[in-house]
Amino acid sequence: MTASIHEKIVIVDYGSQYTQLIARRVREHQVFCTITTPAVTEAELRDPGVKAVILSGGPSSVYGADAPRLPKGIMDLDVPILGICYGMQLLSQHFGGEVKPAKEREFGRREIEVLQADCLFDCTPRNQDVWMSHGDQVERLDESFIALARTETCPWAAARHKERPVFGIQFHPEVHHSDHGKQILRNFLFDIAGCRGDWAMSAFIEEQIGRIRKQVGNRKVICGLSGGVDSSVAAVIVHRAIGDQLSCIFVDNGLMRKNEGDEVEATFREHFQMDFHRVDASDRFLDELAGVSDPEKKRKIIGRVFIEVFEDKAKEFDDVGFLVQGTLYPDVIESVSAHGGPSQTIKSHHNVGGLPERLGFGLVEPLRDLFKDEVRAVGREMGIPEHILGRHPFPGPGLGVRLLGEIHREDVKILQDADAILQQEMRRSEIYDDIWQAFCVLLPVRSVGVMGDERTYEKVCAVRCVNSTDGMTADWYPMPYEIMARISNRIINEVRGINRVCYDISSKPPATIEWE
């Protein structure tokens, strides 16, 4: 979204684990926002679209030698400012207040008492639970400030400047543990900052279409389509913008889910009528992987062969100037943080195998301002089938990291068949959407079993189902016994080569989600 056209909130990230959550909460009110660092320039803050600035929390102490400071020129702005936790402490320091280590540190739920019926606390009760997470706190504020709320141990749990639209809160309204945090943020956005709340997916799509047409001109564009949510939505929005100027290359590495390649081809060739090119490179991938058991080596081989196959196919197209990439906003944020300031460089593993640099293409990134749930909303707006938008995450190396040890062709089929049964039973039982990620793993061990009157000595299949929000942490899903029994019985009875099914009840950490 271009700030010159749309209103936006600028969130300055001081390293809080909740910064992205602040952005999510702002966008839930249909207000666009961006996350930047304390190195943001005054010119960026003065963009005419900026309606307010939010300063996030962070792990530093304002008195630390290397503590991040307020952005240059921020106090010369004529827009409201909201400091959260560390952000409030920075504002306090700027206005001559005093920040000290709290006598009793506050972590977790605390009750605040609202002292002033200020617009920040409109439509919220006098006493309410909030989420605290701080060691330092404001002990004294300049007389130009009014206390809005307090706790038993924190006299300035919230405050505002008497004359300027500067607000500070010691707690975190963005987390769901703050019972009225959503309303507090809404009050800041609409009553204080004067936002309209008119940021909608339909408007986003139309603007991106115009931007893509302007960027691309008459040049050809290629997309490395995987069939996953991000690449699918990116491909559809670019296709809507430039039509047949876009060619999609789908590299079939032979390590996808059962029939997935056919489903992807049918969706994009027939439903969306794209210039779709499927490259069956399964033999090449499996030949290169023969005899390799180390998971990192497998990943590197799969990544290298993908680049080679994609590059060979891309050479068949003339006048290609751009590559579509499904970069999302969390990728951009990570890159900005890593570089200590605003940056356009995305971490190499977020690029499609480093292809843009290798092929000399420019990047078209229509989703780089969006979070994952917003990408799905865009996809629904454009008519992408729900079985694609709601699909569980799938690793880049595919089944290559779910076939433990060496990869054999016959094992690929065994795992595909087992995984297909898992997917079918989850959908049949209507629990698929309750689970963040679910899959089968084929173990490189055999166990003794009995089928009929005969002894068997066959493979072991592990079923892994987890819930997570971002993949950083995950809890195993407590699947109902009757569904688990049906999955196990079907796999053992229908998949030749498996005689034992186990259910993985490990959380992350200490385990990882994938087994390799």
Protein backbone atom coordinates (compact mmCIF):
# COMPACT_ATOMS: atom_id res chain seq x y z
CA MET A 1 0.00 0.00 0.00
CA THR A 2 1.38 3.42 -0.82
CA ALA A 3 1.35 5.79 2.08
CA SER A 4 0.56 8.76 -0.20
CA ILE A 5 -2.84 7.23 -0.94
CA HIS A 6 -3.73 5.35 2.24
CA GLU A 7 -3.62 6.29 5.87
CA LYS A 8 -1.24 4.26 7.96
CA ILE A 9 0.19 3.79 11.42
CA VAL A 10 3.96 3.51 11.86
CA ILE A 11 5.05 1.01 14.53
CA VAL A 12 8.61 1.46 15.77
CA ASP A 13 10.01 -1.90 16.86
CA TYR A 14 12.20 -1.91 19.96
CA GLY A 15 12.59 -5.68 20.00
CA SER A 16 9.38 -6.75 21.70
CA GLN A 17 8.16 -10.29 21.12
CA TYR A 18 4.72 -8.71 20.62
CA THR A 19 5.55 -6.15 17.89
CA GLN A 20 4.02 -8.17 15.06
CA LEU A 21 0.98 -8.71 17.26
CA ILE A 22 0.54 -4.93 17.55
CA ALA A 23 0.48 -4.77 13.76
CA ARG A 24 -2.04 -7.59 13.56
CA ARG A 25 -4.34 -5.85 16.03
CA VAL A 26 -4.13 -2.54 14.16
CA ARG A 27 -4.97 -4.23 10.87
CA GLU A 28 -7.91 -6.03 12.45
CA HIS A 29 -9.43 -2.55 12.71
CA GLN A 30 -8.90 -2.17 8.93
CA VAL A 31 -6.12 0.35 9.44
CA PHE A 32 -2.92 -0.24 7.49
CA CYS A 33 0.36 -0.17 9.39
CA THR A 34 4.06 -0.77 8.86
CA ILE A 35 6.80 -1.89 11.23
CA THR A 36 10.12 -0.12 11.17
CA THR A 37 13.15 0.39 13.44
CA PRO A 38 14.30 3.34 15.59
CA ALA A 39 16.51 4.27 12.63
CA VAL A 40 13.45 5.34 10.63
CA THR A 41 14.05 8.70 8.97
CA GLU A 42 12.17 11.86 9.80
CA ALA A 43 11.08 12.08 6.18
CA GLU A 44 9.39 8.69 6.42
CA LEU A 45 7.58 9.71 9.59
CA ARG A 46 6.39 12.89 7.88
CA ASP A 47 4.80 11.00 5.01
CA PRO A 48 1.35 12.56 4.55
CA GLY A 49 -0.34 9.19 5.05
CA VAL A 50 1.02 8.71 8.58
CA LYS A 51 -1.79 9.18 11.10
CA ALA A 52 0.05 8.12 14.27
CA VAL A 53 3.16 6.42 15.63
CA ILE A 54 3.22 3.51 18.09
CA LEU A 55 6.41 2.74 20.02
CA SER A 56 6.65 -0.94 20.93
CA GLY A 57 7.96 -2.59 24.03
CA GLY A 58 11.43 -4.08 24.19
CA PRO A 59 13.97 -5.87 26.40
CA SER A 60 16.34 -2.92 26.95
CA SER A 61 16.60 -0.47 29.81
CA VAL A 62 16.33 3.18 28.78
CA TYR A 63 19.47 3.87 30.82
CA GLY A 64 21.56 1.24 29.07
CA ALA A 65 24.57 2.47 27.11
CA ASP A 66 23.37 0.81 23.91
CA ALA A 67 19.65 1.27 24.52
CA PRO A 68 17.70 2.23 21.39
CA ARG A 69 16.39 5.79 21.43
CA LEU A 70 13.46 7.69 20.03
CA PRO A 71 13.54 8.14 16.25
CA LYS A 72 15.09 11.39 15.14
CA GLY A 73 12.55 14.17 14.81
CA ILE A 74 9.62 12.18 16.21
CA MET A 75 8.72 14.78 18.81
CA ASP A 76 8.44 17.41 16.09
CA LEU A 77 5.61 15.50 14.43
CA ASP A 78 2.04 16.71 14.55
CA VAL A 79 0.54 13.23 14.98
CA PRO A 80 -0.46 11.22 18.06
CA ILE A 81 2.16 8.97 19.66
CA LEU A 82 1.45 5.91 21.80
CA GLY A 83 4.29 4.37 23.79
CA ILE A 84 3.83 0.79 24.99
CA CYS A 85 6.00 -0.46 27.88
CA TYR A 86 9.58 0.43 26.79
CA GLY A 87 8.04 2.97 24.42
CA MET A 88 6.34 4.67 27.36
CA GLN A 89 9.60 4.70 29.30
CA LEU A 90 11.38 6.40 26.38
CA LEU A 91 8.69 9.09 26.27
CA SER A 92 8.99 9.55 30.02
CA GLN A 93 12.74 9.96 29.75
CA HIS A 94 12.36 12.50 26.93
CA PHE A 95 10.01 14.65 29.00
CA GLY A 96 12.23 14.60 32.09
CA GLY A 97 10.55 11.79 33.96
CA GLU A 98 12.25 9.06 35.95
CA VAL A 99 12.43 5.36 35.09
CA LYS A 100 13.71 2.90 37.70
CA PRO A 101 13.87 -0.85 38.24
CA ALA A 102 10.53 -1.78 39.76
CA LYS A 103 10.57 -2.80 43.41
CA GLU A 104 8.23 -5.60 42.39
CA ARG A 105 8.57 -6.59 38.75
CA GLU A 106 5.28 -7.19 36.98
CA PHE A 107 4.93 -10.15 34.63
CA GLY A 108 1.58 -11.57 33.67
CA ARG A 109 -1.95 -10.48 34.53
CA ARG A 110 -2.34 -7.42 36.73
CA GLU A 111 -5.37 -5.32 37.58
CA ILE A 112 -5.22 -1.63 36.78
CA GLU A 113 -7.42 1.08 38.18
CA VAL A 114 -8.41 3.70 35.60
CA LEU A 115 -8.01 7.15 37.21
CA GLN A 116 -9.16 9.40 34.38
CA ALA A 117 -12.12 8.83 32.05
CA ASP A 118 -9.82 9.74 29.21
CA CYS A 119 -10.61 8.93 25.57
CA LEU A 120 -7.94 6.21 25.64
CA PHE A 121 -10.05 4.26 28.14
CA ASP A 122 -13.49 5.07 26.74
CA CYS A 123 -15.92 2.13 26.88
CA THR A 124 -13.71 0.20 29.33
CA PRO A 125 -14.34 -0.43 33.06
CA ARG A 126 -12.67 1.37 35.95
CA ASN A 127 -10.94 -1.85 37.03
CA GLN A 128 -9.63 -4.24 34.38
CA ASP A 129 -7.03 -6.94 33.90
CA VAL A 130 -4.05 -6.18 31.64
CA TRP A 131 -0.87 -8.00 30.66
CA MET A 132 2.31 -6.64 32.18
CA SER A 133 5.87 -7.60 31.20
CA HIS A 134 8.45 -5.22 32.63
CA GLY A 135 11.32 -4.93 35.08
CA ASP A 136 11.71 -1.15 34.80
CA GLN A 137 8.80 1.23 35.22
CA VAL A 138 8.02 4.94 35.29
CA GLU A 139 8.41 6.19 38.87
CA ARG A 140 7.88 9.87 38.15
CA LEU A 141 6.54 11.84 35.20
CA ASP A 142 6.93 15.50 34.37
CA GLU A 143 4.10 17.73 35.61
CA SER A 144 2.98 18.12 31.99
CA PHE A 145 1.58 14.58 32.23
CA ILE A 146 -1.62 13.24 33.78
CA ALA A 147 -1.82 9.73 35.25
CA LEU A 148 -4.58 7.73 33.57
CA ALA A 149 -4.20 4.38 35.36
CA ARG A 150 -2.19 2.67 38.09
CA THR A 151 -1.60 -0.71 39.73
CA GLU A 152 -0.75 -1.41 43.36
CA THR A 153 2.97 -1.17 42.54
CA CYS A 154 3.03 0.92 39.36
CA PRO A 155 1.80 4.53 39.87
CA TRP A 156 1.98 5.37 36.16
CA ALA A 157 0.42 2.36 34.42
CA ALA A 158 -0.94 4.79 31.81
CA ALA A 159 -0.52 8.52 31.23
CA ARG A 160 -1.07 11.29 28.70
CA HIS A 161 0.46 14.66 28.03
CA LYS A 162 -1.78 17.57 29.06
CA GLU A 163 -1.40 19.48 25.79
CA ARG A 164 0.05 17.14 23.19
CA PRO A 165 -1.43 13.86 21.82
CA VAL A 166 1.28 11.80 23.51
CA PHE A 167 0.19 8.71 25.45
CA GLY A 168 2.03 6.01 27.36
CA ILE A 169 0.87 2.67 28.75
CA GLN A 170 3.03 0.30 30.75
CA PHE A 171 1.00 -2.79 29.81
CA HIS A 172 0.46 -4.61 26.51
CA PRO A 173 -2.99 -3.98 24.99
CA GLU A 174 -2.14 -6.11 21.95
CA VAL A 175 -2.20 -9.46 23.78
CA HIS A 176 -5.53 -11.16 24.42
CA HIS A 177 -4.76 -11.35 28.17
CA SER A 178 -5.47 -7.60 28.35
CA ASP A 179 -9.23 -7.89 28.61
CA HIS A 180 -10.02 -4.53 27.00
CA GLY A 181 -6.83 -4.06 24.99
CA LYS A 182 -8.66 -4.20 21.68
CA GLN A 183 -10.94 -1.36 22.72
CA ILE A 184 -8.00 0.70 23.98
CA LEU A 185 -6.24 0.36 20.63
CA ARG A 186 -9.49 1.16 18.84
CA ASN A 187 -9.85 4.33 20.89
CA PHE A 188 -6.31 5.37 19.98
CA LEU A 189 -6.76 4.64 16.27
CA PHE A 190 -10.15 6.23 15.74
CA ASP A 191 -10.85 8.73 18.52
CA ILE A 192 -7.30 10.02 18.95
CA ALA A 193 -5.56 9.46 15.60
CA GLY A 194 -8.71 10.00 13.52
CA CYS A 195 -8.28 6.94 11.32
CA ARG A 196 -11.09 6.03 8.92
CA GLY A 197 -10.50 2.27 8.94
CA ASP A 198 -10.97 1.90 5.20
CA TRP A 199 -8.15 -0.52 4.42
CA ALA A 200 -9.84 -3.45 2.68
CA MET A 201 -8.63 -6.45 0.69
CA SER A 202 -10.59 -5.40 -2.39
CA ALA A 203 -8.84 -2.02 -2.43
CA PHE A 204 -5.50 -3.73 -1.81
CA ILE A 205 -6.00 -6.02 -4.81
CA GLU A 206 -6.89 -3.18 -7.17
CA GLU A 207 -3.92 -1.12 -6.07
CA GLN A 208 -1.52 -4.05 -6.47
CA ILE A 209 -2.86 -4.71 -9.95
CA GLY A 210 -2.08 -1.11 -10.91
CA ARG A 211 1.33 -1.27 -9.30
CA ILE A 212 2.25 -4.52 -11.07
CA ARG A 213 1.20 -3.18 -14.47
CA LYS A 214 3.30 -0.06 -13.94
CA GLN A 215 6.33 -2.06 -12.74
CA VAL A 216 6.25 -4.73 -15.45
CA GLY A 217 5.20 -2.78 -18.52
CA ASN A 218 5.32 -5.06 -21.55
CA ARG A 219 7.96 -7.45 -20.18
CA LYS A 220 7.30 -11.14 -19.55
CA VAL A 221 7.07 -12.45 -15.99
CA ILE A 222 7.61 -15.96 -14.67
CA CYS A 223 6.45 -17.48 -11.41
CA GLY A 224 7.83 -20.50 -9.60
CA LEU A 225 4.49 -21.96 -8.60
CA SER A 226 4.51 -24.57 -5.83
CA GLY A 227 0.79 -24.86 -5.23
CA GLY A 228 1.18 -23.52 -1.69
CA VAL A 229 -0.86 -20.60 -0.37
CA ASP A 230 1.70 -17.82 -0.90
CA SER A 231 2.84 -18.65 -4.43
CA SER A 232 -0.75 -19.42 -5.49
CA VAL A 233 -2.16 -16.09 -4.32
CA ALA A 234 0.83 -14.19 -5.75
CA ALA A 235 0.38 -15.92 -9.11
CA VAL A 236 -3.34 -15.20 -9.31
CA ILE A 237 -3.01 -11.51 -8.48
CA VAL A 238 -0.19 -11.06 -11.03
CA HIS A 239 -2.19 -12.97 -13.65
CA ARG A 240 -5.17 -10.70 -13.04
CA ALA A 241 -2.86 -7.72 -13.60
CA ILE A 242 -1.00 -8.79 -16.76
CA GLY A 243 -2.74 -11.92 -18.11
CA ASP A 244 -0.70 -13.89 -20.62
CA GLN A 245 2.46 -11.92 -19.88
CA LEU A 246 2.75 -14.30 -16.91
CA SER A 247 4.04 -17.85 -17.28
CA CYS A 248 3.98 -20.22 -14.32
CA ILE A 249 6.60 -22.93 -13.93
CA PHE A 250 5.65 -25.80 -11.68
CA VAL A 251 8.60 -28.08 -10.87
CA ASP A 252 7.34 -31.54 -9.91
CA ASN A 253 10.10 -33.03 -7.78
CA GLY A 254 8.28 -36.31 -7.17
CA LEU A 255 8.20 -35.56 -3.44
CA MET A 256 4.79 -33.97 -3.20
CA ARG A 257 1.60 -35.28 -1.63
CA LYS A 258 -0.40 -37.90 -3.52
CA ASN A 259 -1.95 -36.46 -6.71
CA GLU A 260 -0.95 -32.95 -5.66
CA GLY A 261 0.78 -32.18 -8.93
CA ASP A 262 -2.37 -33.03 -10.90
CA GLU A 263 -4.51 -30.89 -8.59
CA VAL A 264 -2.20 -27.88 -8.94
CA GLU A 265 -2.16 -28.25 -12.71
CA ALA A 266 -5.95 -28.51 -12.93
CA THR A 267 -6.45 -25.47 -10.72
CA PHE A 268 -4.13 -23.11 -12.53
CA ARG A 269 -4.32 -24.38 -16.11
CA GLU A 270 -8.05 -25.04 -16.26
CA HIS A 271 -9.70 -22.97 -13.51
CA PHE A 272 -7.56 -19.83 -13.87
CA GLN A 273 -6.50 -20.53 -17.48
CA MET A 274 -2.90 -19.53 -16.90
CA ASP A 275 0.09 -20.21 -19.12
CA PHE A 276 1.09 -23.15 -16.95
CA HIS A 277 4.19 -25.30 -17.51
CA ARG A 278 4.67 -28.46 -15.49
CA VAL A 279 8.18 -29.89 -15.46
CA ASP A 280 8.30 -33.51 -14.33
CA ALA A 281 11.76 -33.74 -12.81
CA SER A 282 10.96 -36.51 -10.32
CA ASP A 283 13.52 -38.94 -11.75
CA ARG A 284 16.24 -36.31 -11.68
CA PHE A 285 15.55 -35.44 -8.04
CA LEU A 286 15.34 -39.06 -6.89
CA ASP A 287 18.50 -40.04 -8.80
CA GLU A 288 20.44 -37.19 -7.15
CA LEU A 289 19.12 -38.20 -3.72
CA ALA A 290 20.02 -41.88 -4.07
CA GLY A 291 22.15 -43.11 -1.17
CA VAL A 292 21.94 -39.81 0.74
CA SER A 293 20.67 -40.02 4.33
CA ASP A 294 21.92 -36.80 5.95
CA PRO A 295 18.95 -34.41 6.15
CA GLU A 296 20.95 -31.25 5.47
CA LYS A 297 22.53 -32.83 2.40
CA LYS A 298 19.08 -33.85 1.19
CA ARG A 299 17.80 -30.30 1.61
CA LYS A 300 20.77 -28.84 -0.27
CA ILE A 301 20.43 -31.33 -3.11
CA ILE A 302 16.70 -30.63 -3.47
CA GLY A 303 17.34 -26.87 -3.44
CA ARG A 304 20.17 -27.08 -5.98
CA VAL A 305 18.29 -29.34 -8.38
CA PHE A 306 15.23 -27.10 -8.17
CA ILE A 307 17.32 -24.10 -9.22
CA GLU A 308 18.87 -26.04 -12.09
CA VAL A 309 15.53 -27.34 -13.36
CA PHE A 310 13.83 -23.97 -13.02
CA GLU A 311 16.72 -22.19 -14.70
CA ASP A 312 16.69 -24.62 -17.65
CA LYS A 313 12.97 -24.09 -18.15
CA ALA A 314 13.16 -20.32 -17.75
CA LYS A 315 15.62 -20.12 -20.65
CA GLU A 316 12.84 -21.23 -22.99
CA PHE A 317 11.02 -17.93 -22.49
CA ASP A 318 11.99 -14.73 -24.30
CA ASP A 319 12.08 -11.22 -22.88
CA VAL A 320 11.55 -12.26 -19.26
CA GLY A 321 12.27 -9.38 -16.92
CA PHE A 322 10.68 -10.36 -13.62
CA LEU A 323 10.16 -13.23 -11.22
CA VAL A 324 7.10 -13.43 -8.99
CA GLN A 325 7.85 -14.19 -5.36
CA GLY A 326 5.42 -14.78 -2.50
CA THR A 327 7.34 -12.75 0.08
CA LEU A 328 5.19 -11.97 3.14
CA TYR A 329 5.47 -9.11 5.61
CA PRO A 330 7.08 -11.19 8.40
CA ASP A 331 9.94 -11.92 5.95
CA VAL A 332 10.37 -8.20 5.35
CA ILE A 333 10.32 -7.46 9.09
CA GLU A 334 13.01 -10.09 9.75
CA SER A 335 15.17 -8.54 7.08
CA VAL A 336 14.70 -5.02 8.42
CA SER A 337 15.62 -6.16 11.94
CA ALA A 338 18.67 -8.04 10.68
CA HIS A 339 19.98 -4.95 8.90
CA GLY A 340 19.29 -2.52 11.73
CA GLY A 341 17.07 -0.35 9.60
CA PRO A 342 14.70 -0.20 6.65
CA SER A 343 15.84 -2.56 3.94
CA GLN A 344 14.52 -4.06 0.74
CA THR A 345 16.74 -7.13 0.94
CA ILE A 346 14.96 -10.32 1.89
CA LYS A 347 16.89 -13.16 3.52
CA SER A 348 18.28 -15.47 0.89
CA HIS A 349 16.22 -18.47 1.92
CA HIS A 350 13.06 -16.46 1.36
CA ASN A 351 14.05 -15.94 -2.26
CA VAL A 352 13.18 -18.83 -4.55
CA GLY A 353 16.52 -20.56 -4.16
CA GLY A 354 18.39 -17.35 -4.93
CA LEU A 355 16.94 -17.33 -8.46
CA PRO A 356 16.46 -13.57 -8.82
CA GLU A 357 20.19 -12.94 -8.42
CA ARG A 358 21.17 -15.94 -10.55
CA LEU A 359 18.85 -15.12 -13.44
CA GLY A 360 19.14 -11.34 -13.26
CA PHE A 361 15.38 -10.82 -12.90
CA GLY A 362 13.60 -8.10 -11.03
CA LEU A 363 11.20 -9.14 -8.29
CA VAL A 364 7.44 -8.79 -8.28
CA GLU A 365 6.26 -9.21 -4.68
CA PRO A 366 2.54 -8.42 -4.47
CA LEU A 367 2.16 -9.85 -0.94
CA ARG A 368 5.10 -8.24 0.82
CA ASP A 369 2.80 -6.00 2.92
CA LEU A 370 0.60 -8.85 4.17
CA PHE A 371 0.47 -11.37 7.01
CA LYS A 372 -0.54 -14.96 6.29
CA ASP A 373 -4.18 -14.57 7.26
CA GLU A 374 -4.41 -11.49 5.06
CA VAL A 375 -2.97 -13.46 2.15
CA ARG A 376 -5.77 -16.00 2.59
CA ALA A 377 -8.31 -13.16 2.65
CA VAL A 378 -6.92 -11.85 -0.65
CA GLY A 379 -7.09 -15.37 -2.09
CA ARG A 380 -10.76 -15.73 -1.11
CA GLU A 381 -11.51 -12.33 -2.64
CA MET A 382 -10.03 -13.58 -5.93
CA GLY A 383 -11.82 -16.92 -5.92
CA ILE A 384 -8.95 -19.27 -5.14
CA PRO A 385 -10.37 -22.64 -3.99
CA GLU A 386 -10.49 -23.18 -0.24
CA HIS A 387 -8.59 -26.49 -0.50
CA ILE A 388 -5.57 -24.43 -1.56
CA LEU A 389 -6.03 -21.50 0.83
CA GLY A 390 -6.64 -23.71 3.85
CA ARG A 391 -3.87 -26.18 3.12
CA HIS A 392 -1.52 -27.06 5.95
CA PRO A 393 2.09 -25.83 5.67
CA PHE A 394 4.27 -28.07 3.52
CA PRO A 395 8.09 -28.02 3.67
CA GLY A 396 10.09 -26.86 0.66
CA PRO A 397 11.89 -30.21 0.34
CA GLY A 398 8.49 -31.93 0.48
CA LEU A 399 8.42 -35.58 1.49
CA GLY A 400 12.20 -35.61 1.24
CA VAL A 401 12.39 -34.66 4.92
CA ARG A 402 9.54 -36.97 5.93
CA LEU A 403 11.24 -40.04 4.49
CA LEU A 404 13.89 -40.49 7.15
CA GLY A 405 17.24 -41.78 5.99
CA GLU A 406 17.81 -42.74 2.36
CA ILE A 407 15.01 -42.09 -0.11
CA HIS A 408 13.79 -44.99 -2.25
CA ARG A 409 11.17 -44.70 -4.97
CA GLU A 410 8.93 -47.38 -3.46
CA ASP A 411 8.99 -45.58 -0.09
CA VAL A 412 7.79 -42.35 -1.69
CA LYS A 413 4.61 -44.09 -2.83
CA ILE A 414 4.14 -45.77 0.55
CA LEU A 415 4.37 -42.41 2.34
CA GLN A 416 2.10 -40.67 -0.17
CA ASP A 417 -0.57 -43.34 0.30
CA ALA A 418 -0.35 -43.18 4.10
CA ASP A 419 -0.44 -39.40 4.16
CA ALA A 420 -3.44 -39.35 1.81
CA ILE A 421 -5.38 -41.50 4.29
CA LEU A 422 -4.48 -39.12 7.12
CA GLN A 423 -5.69 -36.12 5.11
CA GLN A 424 -8.91 -37.91 4.10
CA GLU A 425 -9.79 -38.94 7.65
CA MET A 426 -9.11 -35.47 9.07
CA ARG A 427 -11.46 -33.92 6.52
CA ARG A 428 -14.04 -36.67 6.99
CA SER A 429 -14.01 -36.05 10.74
CA GLU A 430 -14.05 -32.27 10.21
CA ILE A 431 -10.92 -31.67 12.27
CA TYR A 432 -8.61 -30.63 9.41
CA ASP A 433 -9.13 -26.91 10.05
CA ASP A 434 -8.60 -27.41 13.80
CA ILE A 435 -5.00 -28.53 13.20
CA TRP A 436 -2.17 -26.27 12.08
CA GLN A 437 -0.11 -29.03 10.46
CA ALA A 438 -0.51 -32.79 10.13
CA PHE A 439 1.51 -35.33 8.22
CA CYS A 440 2.98 -38.84 8.15
CA VAL A 441 6.64 -39.73 8.54
CA LEU A 442 8.10 -43.01 7.26
CA LEU A 443 10.78 -44.29 9.63
CA PRO A 444 13.90 -46.17 8.45
CA VAL A 445 13.13 -49.09 10.76
CA ARG A 446 11.09 -52.25 10.44
CA SER A 447 8.99 -53.99 13.03
CA VAL A 448 7.48 -57.44 13.37
CA GLY A 449 3.75 -57.78 12.83
CA VAL A 450 1.09 -60.36 12.08
CA MET A 451 -1.39 -60.11 9.21
CA GLY A 452 -3.76 -63.04 8.96
CA ASP A 453 -1.66 -65.99 10.04
CA GLU A 454 1.55 -64.65 8.51
CA ARG A 455 4.45 -62.86 10.14
CA THR A 456 5.33 -59.50 8.63
CA TYR A 457 8.46 -57.38 8.90
CA GLU A 458 7.58 -53.96 7.53
CA LYS A 459 7.91 -50.18 7.89
CA VAL A 460 6.79 -47.98 10.77
CA CYS A 461 4.72 -44.86 10.11
CA ALA A 462 4.59 -41.97 12.58
CA VAL A 463 1.68 -39.52 12.51
CA ARG A 464 2.49 -35.94 13.54
CA CYS A 465 -0.29 -33.38 14.25
CA VAL A 466 0.48 -30.03 15.88
CA ASN A 467 -1.09 -26.67 16.62
CA SER A 468 0.90 -23.47 16.31
CA THR A 469 0.54 -19.85 15.28
CA ASP A 470 3.89 -19.20 13.63
CA GLY A 471 5.82 -22.49 13.72
CA MET A 472 8.23 -21.17 16.37
CA THR A 473 6.52 -23.19 19.09
CA ALA A 474 3.97 -25.99 18.74
CA ASP A 475 1.86 -28.32 20.86
CA TRP A 476 0.87 -31.81 19.76
CA TYR A 477 -2.78 -32.14 18.86
CA PRO A 478 -4.86 -34.39 21.17
CA MET A 479 -6.59 -36.34 18.42
CA PRO A 480 -9.73 -38.22 19.54
CA TYR A 481 -9.06 -41.94 19.97
CA GLU A 482 -11.75 -43.08 17.55
CA ILE A 483 -10.28 -40.93 14.73
CA MET A 484 -6.77 -42.06 15.57
CA ALA A 485 -7.91 -45.70 15.47
CA ARG A 486 -9.53 -45.23 12.06
CA ILE A 487 -6.39 -43.65 10.64
CA SER A 488 -4.18 -46.42 12.01
CA ASN A 489 -6.44 -49.22 10.80
CA ARG A 490 -6.74 -47.79 7.32
CA ILE A 491 -3.00 -47.19 6.90
CA ILE A 492 -2.07 -50.70 8.05
CA ASN A 493 -4.81 -52.38 6.00
CA GLU A 494 -4.55 -50.31 2.82
CA VAL A 495 -0.88 -49.35 2.52
CA ARG A 496 1.27 -52.31 1.62
CA GLY A 497 4.61 -51.97 3.38
CA ILE A 498 3.46 -50.54 6.76
CA ASN A 499 2.45 -52.70 9.71
CA ARG A 500 2.76 -50.26 12.61
CA VAL A 501 1.50 -46.69 13.21
CA CYS A 502 2.71 -44.42 16.05
CA TYR A 503 1.40 -41.02 17.17
CA ASP A 504 3.97 -38.32 17.96
CA ILE A 505 3.16 -36.52 21.22
CA SER A 506 6.24 -34.27 21.31
CA SER A 507 5.92 -30.49 21.56
CA LYS A 508 8.26 -27.85 20.13
CA PRO A 509 10.53 -27.24 21.93
CA PRO A 510 12.27 -29.56 22.69
CA ALA A 511 11.32 -31.43 19.50
CA THR A 512 10.94 -29.77 16.11
CA ILE A 513 7.77 -30.02 14.03
CA GLU A 514 9.42 -31.88 11.16
CA TRP A 515 11.48 -34.95 11.98
CA GLU A 516 14.39 -33.92 9.78
